[in-house]
Amino acid sequence: MDRKVNIRTMPREDHLLNGQGACAGCGVAIAVKNIMRVLGSNTTVYVPASCLLVFGGGMYPHSAFDVPFFYSAFENTGAVISGIKAGYRRQGKDVTVIGIAGDGGTFDIGLQALSGAAERNEDVIYVCVDNEAYMNTGTQRSGSTPFGAWTTTTPVGKKIKGKQGFKKDLMSVVANQDIAYAATLSLAHMNDFVQKVEKAKRLKGFRFLHVMTPCTSGWKSDPSLTYDLAKMAVETGMWSLYEIEDGETRITYRPKEMVPVTEYLKLQGRFKHMSKEDVDTLQTWVCKKWNRRYCPIAPPLESKEEDLALNGDHCEGV
């Protein structure tokens, strides 16, 4: 990873301009603004149906992007960015082509086109801005929605309370196609964030960036808590920070200890109905994920820093 780039040395020129209609505290807007700062003006952007399309560029002929911008159908991101890159290649132009899609357009509707572009190792950057539901169309559940979360299609009733399944491990699906680069990003770790975007810009082949983007309306959270949510997701193990390059996985940030998942859940209204049994179920899933992610790969911690996932304080039944 290029450690020379950080939030102090990164470019400051905006290519997602101010004045667009994103909600206050929108994680997608924060992520895309900083991604575009790093990628620069020699970039063409594609966005499918999503919140970003609505507030960033879908009000033809107006756009909040000051670089070439294109959009079409919900499921087409992988195919369209492949075609745009082929067009530039035909013209002899070296332009960074990026597709920015939500979790609905990536985990579910657009998975086929994403898989095809990855298998062909297209020379493009695919960014999934993951707010864990179809927020643009009314907060319907997606393959990214976590266990227990309220959405309009996983309502809270007498027998079933929120989503009953767990979040899809999309990074494994994408990375197992032997792509050039894949990484997870967090708004609470901006040095790590910009370094991964810079690396994706520099490399060739298919590059996949997966960003957790808190959504104030869908998560029923205060707009001022976007950073706190992003940070607590990592500290609890709900989100992990790592990169995969040429098949090699490297942890880029490891919490010193696992914070109980309740510290993350209590910041959001979409989880307020969860019973202790539901919370325990989610905590067990997080602990299993924590152990798979950190224990086999990361170097051993010193005994004084022994993490809670290893001694089982939060991992009963794992």
C-alpha atoms as a PDB file:
ATOM      1  CA  MET A   1       0.000   0.000   0.000  1.00  0.00           C
ATOM      2  CA  ASP A   2       1.262   3.500  -0.851  1.00  0.00           C
ATOM      3  CA  ARG A   3       1.889   5.033   2.578  1.00  0.00           C
ATOM      4  CA  LYS A   4       2.915   8.368   1.033  1.00  0.00           C
ATOM      5  CA  VAL A   5      -0.728   9.239   0.427  1.00  0.00           C
ATOM      6  CA  ASN A   6      -2.854  10.275   3.402  1.00  0.00           C
ATOM      7  CA  ILE A   7      -5.618  12.709   4.253  1.00  0.00           C
ATOM      8  CA  ARG A   8      -3.100  15.554   4.509  1.00  0.00           C
ATOM      9  CA  THR A   9      -1.351  14.950   1.193  1.00  0.00           C
ATOM     10  CA  MET A  10      -4.320  13.738  -0.884  1.00  0.00           C
ATOM     11  CA  PRO A  11      -5.629  16.017  -3.671  1.00  0.00           C
ATOM     12  CA  ARG A  12      -8.203  18.600  -2.571  1.00  0.00           C
ATOM     13  CA  GLU A  13      -9.925  19.273  -5.872  1.00  0.00           C
ATOM     14  CA  ASP A  14     -13.537  18.080  -5.767  1.00  0.00           C
ATOM     15  CA  HIS A  15     -15.087  16.232  -8.703  1.00  0.00           C
ATOM     16  CA  LEU A  16     -18.350  15.484  -6.876  1.00  0.00           C
ATOM     17  CA  LEU A  17     -19.405  19.057  -6.352  1.00  0.00           C
ATOM     18  CA  ASN A  18     -21.211  20.733  -3.484  1.00  0.00           C
ATOM     19  CA  GLY A  19     -24.884  21.626  -3.737  1.00  0.00           C
ATOM     20  CA  GLN A  20     -26.163  18.147  -4.625  1.00  0.00           C
ATOM     21  CA  GLY A  21     -29.155  16.726  -2.793  1.00  0.00           C
ATOM     22  CA  ALA A  22     -27.641  14.082  -0.508  1.00  0.00           C
ATOM     23  CA  CYS A  23     -29.134  13.691   2.951  1.00  0.00           C
ATOM     24  CA  ALA A  24     -27.278  15.226   5.881  1.00  0.00           C
ATOM     25  CA  GLY A  25     -24.696  12.726   7.098  1.00  0.00           C
ATOM     26  CA  CYS A  26     -24.937  10.605   3.927  1.00  0.00           C
ATOM     27  CA  GLY A  27     -22.147   8.028   3.955  1.00  0.00           C
ATOM     28  CA  VAL A  28     -22.315   7.573   0.180  1.00  0.00           C
ATOM     29  CA  ALA A  29     -21.678  11.270  -0.470  1.00  0.00           C
ATOM     30  CA  ILE A  30     -18.695  11.311   1.909  1.00  0.00           C
ATOM     31  CA  ALA A  31     -17.210   8.187   0.329  1.00  0.00           C
ATOM     32  CA  VAL A  32     -17.660   9.265  -3.283  1.00  0.00           C
ATOM     33  CA  LYS A  33     -16.367  12.801  -2.693  1.00  0.00           C
ATOM     34  CA  ASN A  34     -13.108  11.419  -1.292  1.00  0.00           C
ATOM     35  CA  ILE A  35     -12.776   8.667  -3.894  1.00  0.00           C
ATOM     36  CA  MET A  36     -13.103  11.236  -6.667  1.00  0.00           C
ATOM     37  CA  ARG A  37     -10.526  13.513  -5.043  1.00  0.00           C
ATOM     38  CA  VAL A  38      -7.975  10.701  -5.246  1.00  0.00           C
ATOM     39  CA  LEU A  39      -8.892   9.521  -8.751  1.00  0.00           C
ATOM     40  CA  GLY A  40      -8.802  13.018 -10.231  1.00  0.00           C
ATOM     41  CA  SER A  41     -10.138  14.591 -13.409  1.00  0.00           C
ATOM     42  CA  ASN A  42      -8.975  11.894 -15.853  1.00  0.00           C
ATOM     43  CA  THR A  43     -11.886   9.720 -14.756  1.00  0.00           C
ATOM     44  CA  THR A  44     -15.197   8.626 -16.239  1.00  0.00           C
ATOM     45  CA  VAL A  45     -17.971   7.685 -13.799  1.00  0.00           C
ATOM     46  CA  TYR A  46     -20.846   5.257 -14.260  1.00  0.00           C
ATOM     47  CA  VAL A  47     -23.670   4.983 -11.709  1.00  0.00           C
ATOM     48  CA  PRO A  48     -26.726   2.683 -11.941  1.00  0.00           C
ATOM     49  CA  ALA A  49     -30.064   3.240 -10.207  1.00  0.00           C
ATOM     50  CA  SER A  50     -29.207   4.262  -6.642  1.00  0.00           C
ATOM     51  CA  CYS A  51     -29.270   7.163  -4.203  1.00  0.00           C
ATOM     52  CA  LEU A  52     -26.073   8.448  -5.820  1.00  0.00           C
ATOM     53  CA  LEU A  53     -27.795   8.604  -9.189  1.00  0.00           C
ATOM     54  CA  VAL A  54     -30.621  10.681  -7.721  1.00  0.00           C
ATOM     55  CA  PHE A  55     -28.522  13.226  -5.848  1.00  0.00           C
ATOM     56  CA  GLY A  56     -25.343  13.045  -7.903  1.00  0.00           C
ATOM     57  CA  GLY A  57     -26.172  12.943 -11.549  1.00  0.00           C
ATOM     58  CA  GLY A  58     -29.562  11.661 -12.606  1.00  0.00           C
ATOM     59  CA  MET A  59     -31.325  15.004 -13.078  1.00  0.00           C
ATOM     60  CA  TYR A  60     -30.531  15.358 -16.779  1.00  0.00           C
ATOM     61  CA  PRO A  61     -28.990  17.574 -18.088  1.00  0.00           C
ATOM     62  CA  HIS A  62     -27.533  18.457 -14.677  1.00  0.00           C
ATOM     63  CA  SER A  63     -24.845  16.504 -12.821  1.00  0.00           C
ATOM     64  CA  ALA A  64     -22.928  16.991  -9.586  1.00  0.00           C
ATOM     65  CA  PHE A  65     -19.875  15.400 -11.231  1.00  0.00           C
ATOM     66  CA  ASP A  66     -17.490  17.603 -13.218  1.00  0.00           C
ATOM     67  CA  VAL A  67     -16.084  14.614 -15.122  1.00  0.00           C
ATOM     68  CA  PRO A  68     -17.788  12.493 -17.823  1.00  0.00           C
ATOM     69  CA  PHE A  69     -20.770  10.772 -16.216  1.00  0.00           C
ATOM     70  CA  PHE A  70     -23.078   8.058 -17.511  1.00  0.00           C
ATOM     71  CA  TYR A  71     -25.955   5.970 -16.224  1.00  0.00           C
ATOM     72  CA  SER A  72     -28.335   3.271 -17.451  1.00  0.00           C
ATOM     73  CA  ALA A  73     -30.160   0.311 -15.906  1.00  0.00           C
ATOM     74  CA  PHE A  74     -29.886  -1.068 -12.369  1.00  0.00           C
ATOM     75  CA  GLU A  75     -28.116  -4.342 -13.179  1.00  0.00           C
ATOM     76  CA  ASN A  76     -25.577  -3.157 -15.733  1.00  0.00           C
ATOM     77  CA  THR A  77     -22.592  -1.701 -13.856  1.00  0.00           C
ATOM     78  CA  GLY A  78     -20.055  -4.423 -14.662  1.00  0.00           C
ATOM     79  CA  ALA A  79     -21.083  -4.552 -18.325  1.00  0.00           C
ATOM     80  CA  VAL A  80     -21.264  -0.798 -18.904  1.00  0.00           C
ATOM     81  CA  ILE A  81     -17.894   0.067 -17.373  1.00  0.00           C
ATOM     82  CA  SER A  82     -16.355  -2.756 -19.425  1.00  0.00           C
ATOM     83  CA  GLY A  83     -17.797  -1.196 -22.578  1.00  0.00           C
ATOM     84  CA  ILE A  84     -16.698   2.329 -21.677  1.00  0.00           C
ATOM     85  CA  LYS A  85     -13.144   1.095 -21.083  1.00  0.00           C
ATOM     86  CA  ALA A  86     -13.157  -0.771 -24.396  1.00  0.00           C
ATOM     87  CA  GLY A  87     -14.226   2.430 -26.155  1.00  0.00           C
ATOM     88  CA  TYR A  88     -11.394   4.424 -24.623  1.00  0.00           C
ATOM     89  CA  ARG A  89      -8.943   1.643 -25.462  1.00  0.00           C
ATOM     90  CA  ARG A  90     -10.095   1.777 -29.088  1.00  0.00           C
ATOM     91  CA  GLN A  91      -9.411   5.514 -29.098  1.00  0.00           C
ATOM     92  CA  GLY A  92      -5.979   5.037 -27.564  1.00  0.00           C
ATOM     93  CA  LYS A  93      -6.931   6.915 -24.384  1.00  0.00           C
ATOM     94  CA  ASP A  94      -5.782   5.914 -20.895  1.00  0.00           C
ATOM     95  CA  VAL A  95      -8.745   6.986 -18.743  1.00  0.00           C
ATOM     96  CA  THR A  96      -9.687   5.662 -15.307  1.00  0.00           C
ATOM     97  CA  VAL A  97     -13.160   4.115 -15.586  1.00  0.00           C
ATOM     98  CA  ILE A  98     -15.104   3.636 -12.363  1.00  0.00           C
ATOM     99  CA  GLY A  99     -18.519   2.189 -11.629  1.00  0.00           C
ATOM    100  CA  ILE A 100     -20.147   3.130  -8.320  1.00  0.00           C
ATOM    101  CA  ALA A 101     -23.107   0.960  -7.331  1.00  0.00           C
ATOM    102  CA  GLY A 102     -25.033   0.336  -4.137  1.00  0.00           C
ATOM    103  CA  ASP A 103     -25.385  -2.985  -2.362  1.00  0.00           C
ATOM    104  CA  GLY A 104     -28.666  -3.749  -4.119  1.00  0.00           C
ATOM    105  CA  GLY A 105     -27.067  -3.193  -7.521  1.00  0.00           C
ATOM    106  CA  THR A 106     -23.999  -5.218  -6.513  1.00  0.00           C
ATOM    107  CA  PHE A 107     -24.952  -8.030  -4.096  1.00  0.00           C
ATOM    108  CA  ASP A 108     -28.188  -8.862  -5.905  1.00  0.00           C
ATOM    109  CA  ILE A 109     -29.372  -7.308  -9.169  1.00  0.00           C
ATOM    110  CA  GLY A 110     -25.942  -6.599 -10.654  1.00  0.00           C
ATOM    111  CA  LEU A 111     -24.035  -9.659  -9.429  1.00  0.00           C
ATOM    112  CA  GLN A 112     -24.004 -11.368 -12.839  1.00  0.00           C
ATOM    113  CA  ALA A 113     -22.449  -8.376 -14.641  1.00  0.00           C
ATOM    114  CA  LEU A 114     -20.007  -7.842 -11.766  1.00  0.00           C
ATOM    115  CA  SER A 115     -18.909 -11.479 -11.913  1.00  0.00           C
ATOM    116  CA  GLY A 116     -18.436 -11.312 -15.672  1.00  0.00           C
ATOM    117  CA  ALA A 117     -16.258  -8.201 -15.496  1.00  0.00           C
ATOM    118  CA  ALA A 118     -14.198  -9.753 -12.704  1.00  0.00           C
ATOM    119  CA  GLU A 119     -13.738 -13.043 -14.576  1.00  0.00           C
ATOM    120  CA  ARG A 120     -12.530 -11.144 -17.669  1.00  0.00           C
ATOM    121  CA  ASN A 121     -10.216  -9.078 -15.453  1.00  0.00           C
ATOM    122  CA  GLU A 122     -11.497  -5.880 -17.051  1.00  0.00           C
ATOM    123  CA  ASP A 123      -9.258  -2.871 -16.451  1.00  0.00           C
ATOM    124  CA  VAL A 124     -11.820  -0.955 -14.381  1.00  0.00           C
ATOM    125  CA  ILE A 125     -12.574   0.020 -10.793  1.00  0.00           C
ATOM    126  CA  TYR A 126     -15.857  -1.201  -9.294  1.00  0.00           C
ATOM    127  CA  VAL A 127     -16.949   0.484  -6.056  1.00  0.00           C
ATOM    128  CA  CYS A 128     -19.774  -0.879  -3.920  1.00  0.00           C
ATOM    129  CA  VAL A 129     -21.135   1.810  -1.592  1.00  0.00           C
ATOM    130  CA  ASP A 130     -22.839  -0.450   0.928  1.00  0.00           C
ATOM    131  CA  ASN A 131     -25.639   0.973   3.077  1.00  0.00           C
ATOM    132  CA  GLU A 132     -27.154  -2.470   3.586  1.00  0.00           C
ATOM    133  CA  ALA A 133     -30.535  -2.043   1.880  1.00  0.00           C
ATOM    134  CA  TYR A 134     -32.243  -0.640  -1.209  1.00  0.00           C
ATOM    135  CA  MET A 135     -32.396   2.842   0.305  1.00  0.00           C
ATOM    136  CA  ASN A 136     -33.287   4.735  -2.875  1.00  0.00           C
ATOM    137  CA  THR A 137     -36.519   2.802  -3.398  1.00  0.00           C
ATOM    138  CA  GLY A 138     -37.755   2.732   0.184  1.00  0.00           C
ATOM    139  CA  THR A 139     -35.410   0.690   2.399  1.00  0.00           C
ATOM    140  CA  GLN A 140     -36.079  -2.832   1.132  1.00  0.00           C
ATOM    141  CA  ARG A 141     -33.752  -5.614   2.331  1.00  0.00           C
ATOM    142  CA  SER A 142     -30.816  -6.679   0.173  1.00  0.00           C
ATOM    143  CA  GLY A 143     -28.278  -9.482   0.373  1.00  0.00           C
ATOM    144  CA  SER A 144     -26.184  -7.065   2.415  1.00  0.00           C
ATOM    145  CA  THR A 145     -28.777  -6.376   5.117  1.00  0.00           C
ATOM    146  CA  PRO A 146     -27.551  -7.691   8.498  1.00  0.00           C
ATOM    147  CA  PHE A 147     -29.400 -10.122  10.740  1.00  0.00           C
ATOM    148  CA  GLY A 148     -32.213  -8.575  12.759  1.00  0.00           C
ATOM    149  CA  ALA A 149     -32.405  -5.303  10.836  1.00  0.00           C
ATOM    150  CA  TRP A 150     -35.758  -3.690  10.182  1.00  0.00           C
ATOM    151  CA  THR A 151     -36.526  -2.884   6.549  1.00  0.00           C
ATOM    152  CA  THR A 152     -39.839  -2.380   4.770  1.00  0.00           C
ATOM    153  CA  THR A 153     -39.625  -5.955   3.449  1.00  0.00           C
ATOM    154  CA  THR A 154     -38.373  -7.410   6.753  1.00  0.00           C
ATOM    155  CA  PRO A 155     -40.790  -5.660   9.102  1.00  0.00           C
ATOM    156  CA  VAL A 156     -41.071  -6.214  12.819  1.00  0.00           C
ATOM    157  CA  GLY A 157     -44.092  -8.371  13.633  1.00  0.00           C
ATOM    158  CA  LYS A 158     -45.232 -10.678  16.408  1.00  0.00           C
ATOM    159  CA  LYS A 159     -43.399 -13.766  15.137  1.00  0.00           C
ATOM    160  CA  ILE A 160     -40.693 -12.475  12.810  1.00  0.00           C
ATOM    161  CA  LYS A 161     -38.761  -9.408  13.880  1.00  0.00           C
ATOM    162  CA  GLY A 162     -36.502  -8.048  11.173  1.00  0.00           C
ATOM    163  CA  LYS A 163     -34.293  -9.916   8.718  1.00  0.00           C
ATOM    164  CA  GLN A 164     -33.694 -13.547   9.654  1.00  0.00           C
ATOM    165  CA  GLY A 165     -30.679 -14.202   7.429  1.00  0.00           C
ATOM    166  CA  PHE A 166     -27.108 -12.914   7.593  1.00  0.00           C
ATOM    167  CA  LYS A 167     -25.101 -10.561   5.402  1.00  0.00           C
ATOM    168  CA  LYS A 168     -23.638 -12.104   2.247  1.00  0.00           C
ATOM    169  CA  ASP A 169     -19.831 -12.360   2.146  1.00  0.00           C
ATOM    170  CA  LEU A 170     -19.469 -10.580  -1.183  1.00  0.00           C
ATOM    171  CA  MET A 171     -15.737  -9.974  -0.853  1.00  0.00           C
ATOM    172  CA  SER A 172     -15.111 -13.722  -0.930  1.00  0.00           C
ATOM    173  CA  VAL A 173     -17.302 -14.101  -4.013  1.00  0.00           C
ATOM    174  CA  VAL A 174     -15.415 -11.388  -5.901  1.00  0.00           C
ATOM    175  CA  ALA A 175     -11.882 -12.086  -4.667  1.00  0.00           C
ATOM    176  CA  ASN A 176     -12.124 -15.796  -5.508  1.00  0.00           C
ATOM    177  CA  GLN A 177     -12.173 -14.845  -9.197  1.00  0.00           C
ATOM    178  CA  ASP A 178      -8.447 -14.003  -9.023  1.00  0.00           C
ATOM    179  CA  ILE A 179      -8.866 -10.291  -9.630  1.00  0.00           C
ATOM    180  CA  ALA A 180      -6.028  -7.781  -9.391  1.00  0.00           C
ATOM    181  CA  TYR A 181      -7.163  -6.078  -6.196  1.00  0.00           C
ATOM    182  CA  ALA A 182     -10.003  -6.058  -3.672  1.00  0.00           C
ATOM    183  CA  ALA A 183     -10.288  -4.034  -0.473  1.00  0.00           C
ATOM    184  CA  THR A 184     -12.736  -2.986   2.209  1.00  0.00           C
ATOM    185  CA  LEU A 185     -12.877   0.659   3.292  1.00  0.00           C
ATOM    186  CA  SER A 186     -14.296   2.635   6.217  1.00  0.00           C
ATOM    187  CA  LEU A 187     -15.173   6.317   6.545  1.00  0.00           C
ATOM    188  CA  ALA A 188     -13.677   6.235  10.044  1.00  0.00           C
ATOM    189  CA  HIS A 189     -10.235   5.197   8.767  1.00  0.00           C
ATOM    190  CA  MET A 190      -9.516   7.813   6.125  1.00  0.00           C
ATOM    191  CA  ASN A 191      -5.768   7.271   5.771  1.00  0.00           C
ATOM    192  CA  ASP A 192      -6.455   3.605   5.062  1.00  0.00           C
ATOM    193  CA  PHE A 193      -9.316   4.703   2.781  1.00  0.00           C
ATOM    194  CA  VAL A 194      -7.315   7.041   0.533  1.00  0.00           C
ATOM    195  CA  GLN A 195      -4.316   4.691   0.386  1.00  0.00           C
ATOM    196  CA  LYS A 196      -6.517   1.885  -0.927  1.00  0.00           C
ATOM    197  CA  VAL A 197      -8.138   4.157  -3.518  1.00  0.00           C
ATOM    198  CA  GLU A 198      -4.689   5.348  -4.626  1.00  0.00           C
ATOM    199  CA  LYS A 199      -3.520   1.750  -4.983  1.00  0.00           C
ATOM    200  CA  ALA A 200      -6.624   0.866  -7.009  1.00  0.00           C
ATOM    201  CA  LYS A 201      -5.938   3.858  -9.260  1.00  0.00           C
ATOM    202  CA  ARG A 202      -2.345   2.748  -9.850  1.00  0.00           C
ATOM    203  CA  LEU A 203      -2.976  -0.949 -10.545  1.00  0.00           C
ATOM    204  CA  LYS A 204      -4.262  -2.520 -13.755  1.00  0.00           C
ATOM    205  CA  GLY A 205      -6.951  -5.156 -14.104  1.00  0.00           C
ATOM    206  CA  PHE A 206     -10.217  -5.538 -12.209  1.00  0.00           C
ATOM    207  CA  ARG A 207     -10.222  -3.692  -8.888  1.00  0.00           C
ATOM    208  CA  PHE A 208     -13.047  -3.917  -6.354  1.00  0.00           C
ATOM    209  CA  LEU A 209     -13.537  -1.482  -3.464  1.00  0.00           C
ATOM    210  CA  HIS A 210     -16.202  -2.234  -0.851  1.00  0.00           C
ATOM    211  CA  VAL A 211     -17.133   0.738   1.342  1.00  0.00           C
ATOM    212  CA  MET A 212     -19.518   0.668   4.302  1.00  0.00           C
ATOM    213  CA  THR A 213     -21.636   3.827   3.990  1.00  0.00           C
ATOM    214  CA  PRO A 214     -23.995   4.510   6.926  1.00  0.00           C
ATOM    215  CA  CYS A 215     -27.452   5.746   5.889  1.00  0.00           C
ATOM    216  CA  THR A 216     -29.175   8.091   8.315  1.00  0.00           C
ATOM    217  CA  SER A 217     -32.683   7.482   6.989  1.00  0.00           C
ATOM    218  CA  GLY A 218     -32.528   3.713   6.495  1.00  0.00           C
ATOM    219  CA  TRP A 219     -30.525   3.038   9.646  1.00  0.00           C
ATOM    220  CA  LYS A 220     -32.668   5.459  11.656  1.00  0.00           C
ATOM    221  CA  SER A 221     -29.589   7.169  13.035  1.00  0.00           C
ATOM    222  CA  ASP A 222     -28.661  10.752  13.823  1.00  0.00           C
ATOM    223  CA  PRO A 223     -26.847  12.495  10.924  1.00  0.00           C
ATOM    224  CA  SER A 224     -24.071  13.490  13.321  1.00  0.00           C
ATOM    225  CA  LEU A 225     -23.246   9.825  14.053  1.00  0.00           C
ATOM    226  CA  THR A 226     -22.054   8.719  10.601  1.00  0.00           C
ATOM    227  CA  TYR A 227     -18.399   8.664  11.668  1.00  0.00           C
ATOM    228  CA  ASP A 228     -19.225   6.957  14.980  1.00  0.00           C
ATOM    229  CA  LEU A 229     -21.217   4.253  13.198  1.00  0.00           C
ATOM    230  CA  ALA A 230     -18.405   3.595  10.738  1.00  0.00           C
ATOM    231  CA  LYS A 231     -15.881   3.403  13.569  1.00  0.00           C
ATOM    232  CA  MET A 232     -18.006   1.194  15.818  1.00  0.00           C
ATOM    233  CA  ALA A 233     -18.743  -1.202  12.946  1.00  0.00           C
ATOM    234  CA  VAL A 234     -15.012  -1.925  12.729  1.00  0.00           C
ATOM    235  CA  GLU A 235     -14.409  -2.068  16.486  1.00  0.00           C
ATOM    236  CA  THR A 236     -17.246  -4.558  17.030  1.00  0.00           C
ATOM    237  CA  GLY A 237     -16.277  -6.767  14.087  1.00  0.00           C
ATOM    238  CA  MET A 238     -19.382  -5.997  12.042  1.00  0.00           C
ATOM    239  CA  TRP A 239     -16.963  -4.631   9.408  1.00  0.00           C
ATOM    240  CA  SER A 240     -13.349  -5.643   8.771  1.00  0.00           C
ATOM    241  CA  LEU A 241     -10.559  -3.734   7.033  1.00  0.00           C
ATOM    242  CA  TYR A 242      -8.313  -5.737   4.732  1.00  0.00           C
ATOM    243  CA  GLU A 243      -7.047  -5.949   1.162  1.00  0.00           C
ATOM    244  CA  ILE A 244      -6.437  -8.809  -1.255  1.00  0.00           C
ATOM    245  CA  GLU A 245      -3.783  -8.386  -3.929  1.00  0.00           C
ATOM    246  CA  ASP A 246      -2.781 -11.210  -6.263  1.00  0.00           C
ATOM    247  CA  GLY A 247      -4.540 -13.662  -3.965  1.00  0.00           C
ATOM    248  CA  GLU A 248      -2.713 -12.551  -0.823  1.00  0.00           C
ATOM    249  CA  THR A 249      -4.816 -11.171   2.045  1.00  0.00           C
ATOM    250  CA  ARG A 250      -3.475  -8.499   4.362  1.00  0.00           C
ATOM    251  CA  ILE A 251      -5.240  -7.038   7.401  1.00  0.00           C
ATOM    252  CA  THR A 252      -4.911  -3.246   7.291  1.00  0.00           C
ATOM    253  CA  TYR A 253      -6.425  -2.541  10.708  1.00  0.00           C
ATOM    254  CA  ARG A 254      -7.086  -4.859  13.625  1.00  0.00           C
ATOM    255  CA  PRO A 255      -8.953  -3.694  16.750  1.00  0.00           C
ATOM    256  CA  LYS A 256      -7.073  -4.308  19.977  1.00  0.00           C
ATOM    257  CA  GLU A 257     -10.161  -5.927  21.465  1.00  0.00           C
ATOM    258  CA  MET A 258     -13.664  -6.783  20.354  1.00  0.00           C
ATOM    259  CA  VAL A 259     -16.258  -4.254  21.489  1.00  0.00           C
ATOM    260  CA  PRO A 260     -19.669  -5.864  22.200  1.00  0.00           C
ATOM    261  CA  VAL A 261     -21.975  -5.584  19.202  1.00  0.00           C
ATOM    262  CA  THR A 262     -24.589  -3.812  21.345  1.00  0.00           C
ATOM    263  CA  GLU A 263     -22.414  -0.674  21.222  1.00  0.00           C
ATOM    264  CA  TYR A 264     -23.009  -0.577  17.472  1.00  0.00           C
ATOM    265  CA  LEU A 265     -26.659  -1.608  17.512  1.00  0.00           C
ATOM    266  CA  LYS A 266     -27.763   1.003  20.056  1.00  0.00           C
ATOM    267  CA  LEU A 267     -26.822   3.854  17.717  1.00  0.00           C
ATOM    268  CA  GLN A 268     -29.470   2.761  15.187  1.00  0.00           C
ATOM    269  CA  GLY A 269     -33.237   2.557  15.272  1.00  0.00           C
ATOM    270  CA  ARG A 270     -33.357  -0.342  12.814  1.00  0.00           C
ATOM    271  CA  PHE A 271     -32.186  -2.714  15.575  1.00  0.00           C
ATOM    272  CA  LYS A 272     -34.138  -1.331  18.549  1.00  0.00           C
ATOM    273  CA  HIS A 273     -36.641  -4.223  18.569  1.00  0.00           C
ATOM    274  CA  MET A 274     -34.007  -6.962  18.934  1.00  0.00           C
ATOM    275  CA  SER A 275     -34.335  -9.311  21.900  1.00  0.00           C
ATOM    276  CA  LYS A 276     -31.382 -10.546  23.947  1.00  0.00           C
ATOM    277  CA  GLU A 277     -31.614 -13.849  22.091  1.00  0.00           C
ATOM    278  CA  ASP A 278     -31.417 -12.024  18.749  1.00  0.00           C
ATOM    279  CA  VAL A 279     -28.434  -9.974  19.915  1.00  0.00           C
ATOM    280  CA  ASP A 280     -26.679 -13.134  21.110  1.00  0.00           C
ATOM    281  CA  THR A 281     -27.291 -14.749  17.715  1.00  0.00           C
ATOM    282  CA  LEU A 282     -25.749 -11.770  15.937  1.00  0.00           C
ATOM    283  CA  GLN A 283     -22.843 -11.629  18.401  1.00  0.00           C
ATOM    284  CA  THR A 284     -22.051 -15.297  17.781  1.00  0.00           C
ATOM    285  CA  TRP A 285     -22.012 -14.683  14.010  1.00  0.00           C
ATOM    286  CA  VAL A 286     -19.696 -11.703  14.497  1.00  0.00           C
ATOM    287  CA  CYS A 287     -17.346 -13.759  16.681  1.00  0.00           C
ATOM    288  CA  LYS A 288     -17.117 -16.496  14.067  1.00  0.00           C
ATOM    289  CA  LYS A 289     -16.349 -13.885  11.413  1.00  0.00           C
ATOM    290  CA  TRP A 290     -13.805 -12.200  13.703  1.00  0.00           C
ATOM    291  CA  ASN A 291     -11.944 -15.464  14.294  1.00  0.00           C
ATOM    292  CA  ARG A 292     -11.919 -16.364  10.583  1.00  0.00           C
ATOM    293  CA  ARG A 293     -10.697 -12.916   9.617  1.00  0.00           C
ATOM    294  CA  TYR A 294      -8.107 -12.104  12.244  1.00  0.00           C
ATOM    295  CA  CYS A 295      -6.843 -15.297  13.850  1.00  0.00           C
ATOM    296  CA  PRO A 296      -5.493 -17.353  10.904  1.00  0.00           C
ATOM    297  CA  ILE A 297      -3.980 -14.374   9.072  1.00  0.00           C
ATOM    298  CA  ALA A 298      -2.906 -11.651  11.466  1.00  0.00           C
ATOM    299  CA  PRO A 299       0.304 -12.057  13.504  1.00  0.00           C
ATOM    300  CA  PRO A 300      -0.186 -13.197  17.127  1.00  0.00           C
ATOM    301  CA  LEU A 301      -0.941 -10.465  19.625  1.00  0.00           C
ATOM    302  CA  GLU A 302       1.177  -9.996  22.706  1.00  0.00           C
ATOM    303  CA  SER A 303      -0.380 -11.553  25.791  1.00  0.00           C
ATOM    304  CA  LYS A 304      -1.130  -8.170  27.344  1.00  0.00           C
ATOM    305  CA  GLU A 305      -3.223  -7.334  24.259  1.00  0.00           C
ATOM    306  CA  GLU A 306      -5.004 -10.670  24.078  1.00  0.00           C
ATOM    307  CA  ASP A 307      -8.195 -10.051  22.217  1.00  0.00           C
ATOM    308  CA  LEU A 308     -11.617 -10.923  23.540  1.00  0.00           C
ATOM    309  CA  ALA A 309     -12.532 -13.031  20.541  1.00  0.00           C
ATOM    310  CA  LEU A 310      -9.680 -15.379  21.345  1.00  0.00           C
ATOM    311  CA  ASN A 311     -10.377 -15.831  25.042  1.00  0.00           C
ATOM    312  CA  GLY A 312     -14.088 -16.237  24.375  1.00  0.00           C
ATOM    313  CA  ASP A 313     -15.465 -13.456  26.581  1.00  0.00           C
ATOM    314  CA  HIS A 314     -17.862 -12.463  23.798  1.00  0.00           C
ATOM    315  CA  CYS A 315     -17.804 -15.726  21.871  1.00  0.00           C
ATOM    316  CA  GLU A 316     -19.710 -18.273  23.926  1.00  0.00           C
ATOM    317  CA  GLY A 317     -20.881 -21.114  21.751  1.00  0.00           C
ATOM    318  CA  VAL A 318     -18.315 -20.455  19.012  1.00  0.00           C
END
